[in-house]
């Protein structure tokens, strides 16, 4: 619920939110490669380490100067290595950039720029909540 129309107050509210609220905002669209009838009606999920995501916006979605890729390249797809809920960014396998000393550096991707293509099903409670009857 928006409490203020002022953008500055909205940004301040986002930045000063408690950690558990920031973590729940780390959600992404669910577009499974192999559709699962148990997850019918689930549009988005909170992204976790171990989920497989596809980047749909930015340099990793179609190749770009930052990543040294060719134009119209296939989108990056990889497992989530780390989740930074303070900034709303994910670290994904393969999302790296080369520094000037030729070292690889992980590039964070915002959670709104990805879709989840495969869930990590090792957490029984998470799957139970996602597949529960929502009538």
C-alpha atoms as a PDB file:
ATOM      1  CA  UNK A   1       0.000   0.000   0.000  1.00  0.00           C
ATOM      2  CA  UNK A   2       1.395   3.389  -1.002  1.00  0.00           C
ATOM      3  CA  UNK A   3       1.357   5.843   1.870  1.00  0.00           C
ATOM      4  CA  UNK A   4       2.678   8.836  -0.002  1.00  0.00           C
ATOM      5  CA  UNK A   5       2.597  10.186  -3.554  1.00  0.00           C
ATOM      6  CA  UNK A   6       6.062  11.675  -3.146  1.00  0.00           C
ATOM      7  CA  UNK A   7       8.755   9.588  -4.884  1.00  0.00           C
ATOM      8  CA  UNK A   8      11.386  10.566  -2.339  1.00  0.00           C
ATOM      9  CA  UNK A   9       9.283   9.269   0.531  1.00  0.00           C
ATOM     10  CA  UNK A  10       8.615   6.050  -1.367  1.00  0.00           C
ATOM     11  CA  UNK A  11      12.349   5.505  -1.969  1.00  0.00           C
ATOM     12  CA  UNK A  12      13.058   6.263   1.696  1.00  0.00           C
ATOM     13  CA  UNK A  13      10.371   3.752   2.765  1.00  0.00           C
ATOM     14  CA  UNK A  14      11.943   1.083   0.530  1.00  0.00           C
ATOM     15  CA  UNK A  15      15.459   1.765   1.798  1.00  0.00           C
ATOM     16  CA  UNK A  16      14.508   1.847   5.474  1.00  0.00           C
ATOM     17  CA  UNK A  17      12.227  -1.194   5.351  1.00  0.00           C
ATOM     18  CA  UNK A  18      12.943  -4.077   7.756  1.00  0.00           C
ATOM     19  CA  UNK A  19      15.041  -6.982   6.414  1.00  0.00           C
ATOM     20  CA  UNK A  20      12.150  -9.466   6.310  1.00  0.00           C
ATOM     21  CA  UNK A  21      10.120  -7.070   4.142  1.00  0.00           C
ATOM     22  CA  UNK A  22      13.063  -6.423   1.785  1.00  0.00           C
ATOM     23  CA  UNK A  23      13.544 -10.188   1.422  1.00  0.00           C
ATOM     24  CA  UNK A  24       9.906 -10.722   0.437  1.00  0.00           C
ATOM     25  CA  UNK A  25      10.238  -8.016  -2.246  1.00  0.00           C
ATOM     26  CA  UNK A  26      12.822 -10.203  -4.006  1.00  0.00           C
ATOM     27  CA  UNK A  27      10.187 -11.786  -6.220  1.00  0.00           C
ATOM     28  CA  UNK A  28      10.329 -12.807  -9.871  1.00  0.00           C
ATOM     29  CA  UNK A  29       7.902 -14.150 -12.452  1.00  0.00           C
ATOM     30  CA  UNK A  30       7.558 -17.939 -12.600  1.00  0.00           C
ATOM     31  CA  UNK A  31       7.869 -19.289 -16.170  1.00  0.00           C
ATOM     32  CA  UNK A  32       8.831 -22.941 -15.840  1.00  0.00           C
ATOM     33  CA  UNK A  33      10.435 -24.783 -18.766  1.00  0.00           C
ATOM     34  CA  UNK A  34       8.384 -27.862 -17.933  1.00  0.00           C
ATOM     35  CA  UNK A  35       4.977 -26.686 -16.690  1.00  0.00           C
ATOM     36  CA  UNK A  36       3.936 -28.291 -13.413  1.00  0.00           C
ATOM     37  CA  UNK A  37       0.226 -28.726 -12.704  1.00  0.00           C
ATOM     38  CA  UNK A  38       0.913 -28.419  -8.956  1.00  0.00           C
ATOM     39  CA  UNK A  39       1.963 -24.795  -9.488  1.00  0.00           C
ATOM     40  CA  UNK A  40      -1.075 -23.659 -11.486  1.00  0.00           C
ATOM     41  CA  UNK A  41      -2.091 -20.197 -10.324  1.00  0.00           C
ATOM     42  CA  UNK A  42       1.366 -19.255  -9.021  1.00  0.00           C
ATOM     43  CA  UNK A  43       2.574 -16.195 -10.933  1.00  0.00           C
ATOM     44  CA  UNK A  44       5.676 -15.192  -9.007  1.00  0.00           C
ATOM     45  CA  UNK A  45       7.929 -16.604  -6.325  1.00  0.00           C
ATOM     46  CA  UNK A  46      10.512 -15.256  -3.921  1.00  0.00           C
ATOM     47  CA  UNK A  47      13.888 -15.999  -5.509  1.00  0.00           C
ATOM     48  CA  UNK A  48      16.207 -18.251  -3.503  1.00  0.00           C
ATOM     49  CA  UNK A  49      19.718 -19.590  -3.858  1.00  0.00           C
ATOM     50  CA  UNK A  50      19.547 -22.690  -6.054  1.00  0.00           C
ATOM     51  CA  UNK A  51      16.701 -21.529  -8.310  1.00  0.00           C
ATOM     52  CA  UNK A  52      17.482 -21.389 -12.026  1.00  0.00           C
ATOM     53  CA  UNK A  53      16.684 -18.037 -13.620  1.00  0.00           C
ATOM     54  CA  UNK A  54      16.784 -16.519 -17.114  1.00  0.00           C
ATOM     55  CA  UNK A  55      17.773 -12.867 -17.538  1.00  0.00           C
ATOM     56  CA  UNK A  56      15.202 -11.038 -19.685  1.00  0.00           C
ATOM     57  CA  UNK A  57      16.439  -7.437 -19.439  1.00  0.00           C
ATOM     58  CA  UNK A  58      19.858  -5.847 -19.672  1.00  0.00           C
ATOM     59  CA  UNK A  59      23.191  -6.892 -21.170  1.00  0.00           C
ATOM     60  CA  UNK A  60      22.896 -10.509 -20.093  1.00  0.00           C
ATOM     61  CA  UNK A  61      19.545 -10.844 -21.861  1.00  0.00           C
ATOM     62  CA  UNK A  62      20.792 -10.217 -25.397  1.00  0.00           C
ATOM     63  CA  UNK A  63      24.534  -9.636 -25.277  1.00  0.00           C
ATOM     64  CA  UNK A  64      26.035  -6.214 -24.770  1.00  0.00           C
ATOM     65  CA  UNK A  65      29.179  -4.136 -24.476  1.00  0.00           C
ATOM     66  CA  UNK A  66      29.487  -4.662 -20.745  1.00  0.00           C
ATOM     67  CA  UNK A  67      29.732  -8.436 -21.084  1.00  0.00           C
ATOM     68  CA  UNK A  68      31.607  -8.433 -24.389  1.00  0.00           C
ATOM     69  CA  UNK A  69      28.858 -10.415 -26.085  1.00  0.00           C
ATOM     70  CA  UNK A  70      27.477 -10.265 -29.572  1.00  0.00           C
ATOM     71  CA  UNK A  71      24.163  -8.598 -30.299  1.00  0.00           C
ATOM     72  CA  UNK A  72      21.058 -10.778 -30.268  1.00  0.00           C
ATOM     73  CA  UNK A  73      22.832 -13.456 -28.231  1.00  0.00           C
ATOM     74  CA  UNK A  74      20.836 -15.999 -26.254  1.00  0.00           C
ATOM     75  CA  UNK A  75      19.761 -14.856 -22.792  1.00  0.00           C
ATOM     76  CA  UNK A  76      21.851 -15.933 -19.823  1.00  0.00           C
ATOM     77  CA  UNK A  77      20.379 -18.789 -17.836  1.00  0.00           C
ATOM     78  CA  UNK A  78      21.968 -20.016 -14.628  1.00  0.00           C
ATOM     79  CA  UNK A  79      21.605 -20.896 -10.964  1.00  0.00           C
ATOM     80  CA  UNK A  80      21.324 -18.189  -8.325  1.00  0.00           C
ATOM     81  CA  UNK A  81      24.560 -18.192  -6.300  1.00  0.00           C
ATOM     82  CA  UNK A  82      23.790 -15.386  -3.865  1.00  0.00           C
ATOM     83  CA  UNK A  83      20.886 -13.083  -3.018  1.00  0.00           C
ATOM     84  CA  UNK A  84      21.491  -9.528  -1.752  1.00  0.00           C
ATOM     85  CA  UNK A  85      18.139  -8.519  -0.325  1.00  0.00           C
ATOM     86  CA  UNK A  86      19.455  -5.132   0.796  1.00  0.00           C
ATOM     87  CA  UNK A  87      19.921  -3.973  -2.800  1.00  0.00           C
ATOM     88  CA  UNK A  88      17.416  -6.341  -4.458  1.00  0.00           C
ATOM     89  CA  UNK A  89      20.082  -7.960  -6.620  1.00  0.00           C
ATOM     90  CA  UNK A  90      20.971 -11.534  -7.512  1.00  0.00           C
ATOM     91  CA  UNK A  91      24.317 -13.085  -8.351  1.00  0.00           C
ATOM     92  CA  UNK A  92      23.900 -15.652 -11.119  1.00  0.00           C
ATOM     93  CA  UNK A  93      26.280 -18.301 -12.445  1.00  0.00           C
ATOM     94  CA  UNK A  94      27.864 -16.935 -15.601  1.00  0.00           C
ATOM     95  CA  UNK A  95      26.959 -13.296 -14.956  1.00  0.00           C
ATOM     96  CA  UNK A  96      30.524 -12.039 -14.863  1.00  0.00           C
ATOM     97  CA  UNK A  97      32.532  -9.197 -16.308  1.00  0.00           C
ATOM     98  CA  UNK A  98      36.258  -9.021 -16.949  1.00  0.00           C
ATOM     99  CA  UNK A  99      38.188  -6.399 -15.021  1.00  0.00           C
ATOM    100  CA  UNK A 100      41.150  -4.510 -16.463  1.00  0.00           C
ATOM    101  CA  UNK A 101      43.581  -6.967 -14.821  1.00  0.00           C
ATOM    102  CA  UNK A 102      41.722  -9.867 -16.557  1.00  0.00           C
ATOM    103  CA  UNK A 103      40.084 -11.115 -13.373  1.00  0.00           C
ATOM    104  CA  UNK A 104      36.456 -12.216 -13.499  1.00  0.00           C
ATOM    105  CA  UNK A 105      34.047 -10.202 -11.374  1.00  0.00           C
ATOM    106  CA  UNK A 106      30.436 -11.151 -10.583  1.00  0.00           C
ATOM    107  CA  UNK A 107      27.856  -8.693 -11.903  1.00  0.00           C
ATOM    108  CA  UNK A 108      24.648  -8.324  -9.854  1.00  0.00           C
ATOM    109  CA  UNK A 109      21.314  -8.469 -11.675  1.00  0.00           C
ATOM    110  CA  UNK A 110      18.141  -6.905 -10.281  1.00  0.00           C
ATOM    111  CA  UNK A 111      15.424  -9.424  -9.419  1.00  0.00           C
ATOM    112  CA  UNK A 112      12.860  -7.632 -11.609  1.00  0.00           C
ATOM    113  CA  UNK A 113      15.000  -8.406 -14.675  1.00  0.00           C
ATOM    114  CA  UNK A 114      14.789 -12.195 -14.408  1.00  0.00           C
ATOM    115  CA  UNK A 115      12.216 -14.972 -14.656  1.00  0.00           C
ATOM    116  CA  UNK A 116      12.437 -18.220 -12.689  1.00  0.00           C
ATOM    117  CA  UNK A 117      12.601 -21.198 -15.072  1.00  0.00           C
ATOM    118  CA  UNK A 118      13.284 -23.954 -12.517  1.00  0.00           C
ATOM    119  CA  UNK A 119      12.573 -24.049  -8.789  1.00  0.00           C
ATOM    120  CA  UNK A 120      14.893 -25.531  -6.194  1.00  0.00           C
ATOM    121  CA  UNK A 121      12.611 -28.200  -4.728  1.00  0.00           C
ATOM    122  CA  UNK A 122      14.840 -29.285  -1.828  1.00  0.00           C
ATOM    123  CA  UNK A 123      12.875 -27.238   0.727  1.00  0.00           C
ATOM    124  CA  UNK A 124       9.756 -29.290   1.512  1.00  0.00           C
ATOM    125  CA  UNK A 125       7.994 -26.447   3.369  1.00  0.00           C
ATOM    126  CA  UNK A 126       8.444 -24.024   0.449  1.00  0.00           C
ATOM    127  CA  UNK A 127       6.989 -26.524  -2.025  1.00  0.00           C
ATOM    128  CA  UNK A 128       4.155 -27.303   0.365  1.00  0.00           C
ATOM    129  CA  UNK A 129       3.218 -23.615   0.566  1.00  0.00           C
ATOM    130  CA  UNK A 130       3.486 -23.133  -3.219  1.00  0.00           C
ATOM    131  CA  UNK A 131       1.421 -26.203  -4.084  1.00  0.00           C
ATOM    132  CA  UNK A 132      -1.222 -25.680  -1.377  1.00  0.00           C
ATOM    133  CA  UNK A 133      -4.843 -25.330  -2.436  1.00  0.00           C
ATOM    134  CA  UNK A 134      -5.599 -21.613  -2.961  1.00  0.00           C
ATOM    135  CA  UNK A 135      -9.374 -21.629  -3.159  1.00  0.00           C
END
